[in-house]
């Protein structure tokens, strides 16, 4: 099991930037993928993007592509979500998660992820 702690959320104006961090404790195998999800009030949890821990390659949902960037620091066992050009519709609680499988496919279904952080609130004002 991997324990995850998100940080970096807050209130920002539209067009601004935030960087979220997801610090992991426990063993991170190179075969793992890590993902970012978000959940707005009254809505289902939504896939934002994911990264392959070994290669650092990343995949994004269409609504954030070109605005958000996922990266990781293996030595610190930390994943980041750099969010630029934020929009009010990006307002949500953001969660990080770990997928223990060695899937060659990108997993966008939250039920496929094994470990979750507690979430951090991001609010974008118009």
Protein backbone atom coordinates (compact mmCIF):
# COMPACT_ATOMS: atom_id res chain seq x y z
CA UNK A 1 0.00 0.00 0.00
CA UNK A 2 1.12 3.51 -0.79
CA UNK A 3 0.17 6.49 1.32
CA UNK A 4 -0.42 9.72 -0.59
CA UNK A 5 -0.65 13.30 0.61
CA UNK A 6 -1.68 16.13 -1.71
CA UNK A 7 -0.81 19.77 -1.13
CA UNK A 8 -0.72 23.06 -2.98
CA UNK A 9 -4.40 23.76 -3.47
CA UNK A 10 -5.91 27.16 -2.92
CA UNK A 11 -7.82 30.08 -4.37
CA UNK A 12 -6.62 31.61 -7.64
CA UNK A 13 -8.06 33.97 -10.22
CA UNK A 14 -8.94 32.79 -13.69
CA UNK A 15 -5.85 32.73 -15.86
CA UNK A 16 -3.59 32.06 -12.92
CA UNK A 17 -1.46 29.06 -12.00
CA UNK A 18 -1.11 26.56 -9.19
CA UNK A 19 1.17 23.60 -8.64
CA UNK A 20 -0.13 20.62 -6.74
CA UNK A 21 2.13 18.07 -5.12
CA UNK A 22 1.45 14.45 -4.25
CA UNK A 23 3.95 13.00 -1.82
CA UNK A 24 4.08 9.23 -1.58
CA UNK A 25 5.32 7.01 1.20
CA UNK A 26 5.83 3.31 0.86
CA UNK A 27 7.30 1.39 -2.02
CA UNK A 28 6.83 2.85 -5.48
CA UNK A 29 7.58 0.26 -8.12
CA UNK A 30 8.73 1.37 -11.55
CA UNK A 31 5.73 -0.41 -13.06
CA UNK A 32 3.26 1.86 -11.28
CA UNK A 33 1.34 4.69 -12.83
CA UNK A 34 0.09 7.66 -10.87
CA UNK A 35 -2.88 9.78 -11.74
CA UNK A 36 -4.64 13.00 -10.93
CA UNK A 37 -8.42 13.14 -10.62
CA UNK A 38 -10.80 15.89 -9.64
CA UNK A 39 -14.31 16.06 -8.29
CA UNK A 40 -16.56 19.09 -8.36
CA UNK A 41 -19.65 19.33 -6.12
CA UNK A 42 -22.45 17.16 -7.44
CA UNK A 43 -20.29 15.60 -10.12
CA UNK A 44 -18.49 12.31 -10.53
CA UNK A 45 -14.77 11.98 -10.02
CA UNK A 46 -13.06 12.91 -13.29
CA UNK A 47 -9.73 11.80 -14.74
CA UNK A 48 -7.29 14.67 -15.26
CA UNK A 49 -4.09 12.94 -16.27
CA UNK A 50 -1.58 10.26 -15.40
CA UNK A 51 2.12 9.53 -15.57
CA UNK A 52 4.12 6.35 -15.95
CA UNK A 53 6.50 6.30 -13.02
CA UNK A 54 9.36 4.64 -14.89
CA UNK A 55 9.39 6.66 -18.10
CA UNK A 56 7.76 9.90 -17.02
CA UNK A 57 5.46 9.86 -20.02
CA UNK A 58 2.13 11.50 -19.35
CA UNK A 59 -1.39 11.49 -20.70
CA UNK A 60 -4.10 14.12 -20.23
CA UNK A 61 -7.78 14.47 -20.66
CA UNK A 62 -8.74 16.81 -23.47
CA UNK A 63 -10.04 19.66 -21.35
CA UNK A 64 -6.67 20.21 -19.66
CA UNK A 65 -4.28 19.30 -22.47
CA UNK A 66 -1.90 22.17 -23.14
CA UNK A 67 -2.70 23.82 -19.79
CA UNK A 68 -1.73 21.17 -17.22
CA UNK A 69 1.56 19.31 -16.92
CA UNK A 70 2.27 16.24 -14.82
CA UNK A 71 5.78 15.42 -13.69
CA UNK A 72 7.45 13.35 -11.00
CA UNK A 73 10.58 13.35 -8.91
CA UNK A 74 11.61 9.79 -8.23
CA UNK A 75 14.08 10.68 -5.50
CA UNK A 76 11.41 12.56 -3.57
CA UNK A 77 8.65 10.10 -4.50
CA UNK A 78 6.52 13.07 -5.43
CA UNK A 79 4.25 13.75 -8.36
CA UNK A 80 3.32 17.24 -9.46
CA UNK A 81 0.47 18.83 -11.33
CA UNK A 82 1.34 22.21 -12.80
CA UNK A 83 -1.88 23.98 -13.70
CA UNK A 84 -1.71 27.06 -15.91
CA UNK A 85 -4.37 29.20 -17.55
CA UNK A 86 -6.84 28.07 -14.93
CA UNK A 87 -10.54 28.41 -15.58
CA UNK A 88 -13.49 28.54 -13.17
CA UNK A 89 -14.55 25.13 -14.44
CA UNK A 90 -11.30 23.70 -13.06
CA UNK A 91 -12.67 24.28 -9.55
CA UNK A 92 -12.77 20.95 -7.73
CA UNK A 93 -11.14 18.81 -5.10
CA UNK A 94 -8.05 17.29 -6.70
CA UNK A 95 -6.91 13.80 -5.79
CA UNK A 96 -3.83 11.80 -6.63
CA UNK A 97 -3.90 8.05 -6.93
CA UNK A 98 -1.66 5.08 -7.68
CA UNK A 99 -2.35 2.28 -10.15
CA UNK A 100 -0.39 -0.80 -9.11
CA UNK A 101 -0.96 -2.67 -12.35
CA UNK A 102 1.66 -2.82 -15.06
CA UNK A 103 -0.84 -1.87 -17.73
CA UNK A 104 0.41 -0.63 -21.08
CA UNK A 105 -2.81 1.34 -21.41
CA UNK A 106 -3.67 4.61 -19.76
CA UNK A 107 -6.29 4.06 -17.11
CA UNK A 108 -8.88 6.80 -16.78
CA UNK A 109 -11.40 4.89 -14.63
CA UNK A 110 -10.92 5.82 -10.95
CA UNK A 111 -11.99 2.34 -9.87
CA UNK A 112 -8.79 1.03 -11.48
CA UNK A 113 -6.62 2.90 -9.00
CA UNK A 114 -5.54 1.32 -5.75
CA UNK A 115 -4.41 4.03 -3.37
CA UNK A 116 -5.75 7.56 -2.94
CA UNK A 117 -4.82 10.75 -1.18
CA UNK A 118 -7.24 12.84 0.84
CA UNK A 119 -7.60 15.57 -1.78
CA UNK A 120 -6.83 19.26 -1.97
CA UNK A 121 -9.29 22.01 -2.88
CA UNK A 122 -8.66 24.17 -5.92
CA UNK A 123 -10.95 27.15 -6.43
CA UNK A 124 -10.70 29.36 -9.50
CA UNK A 125 -12.56 32.65 -9.33
CA UNK A 126 -13.84 34.45 -12.41
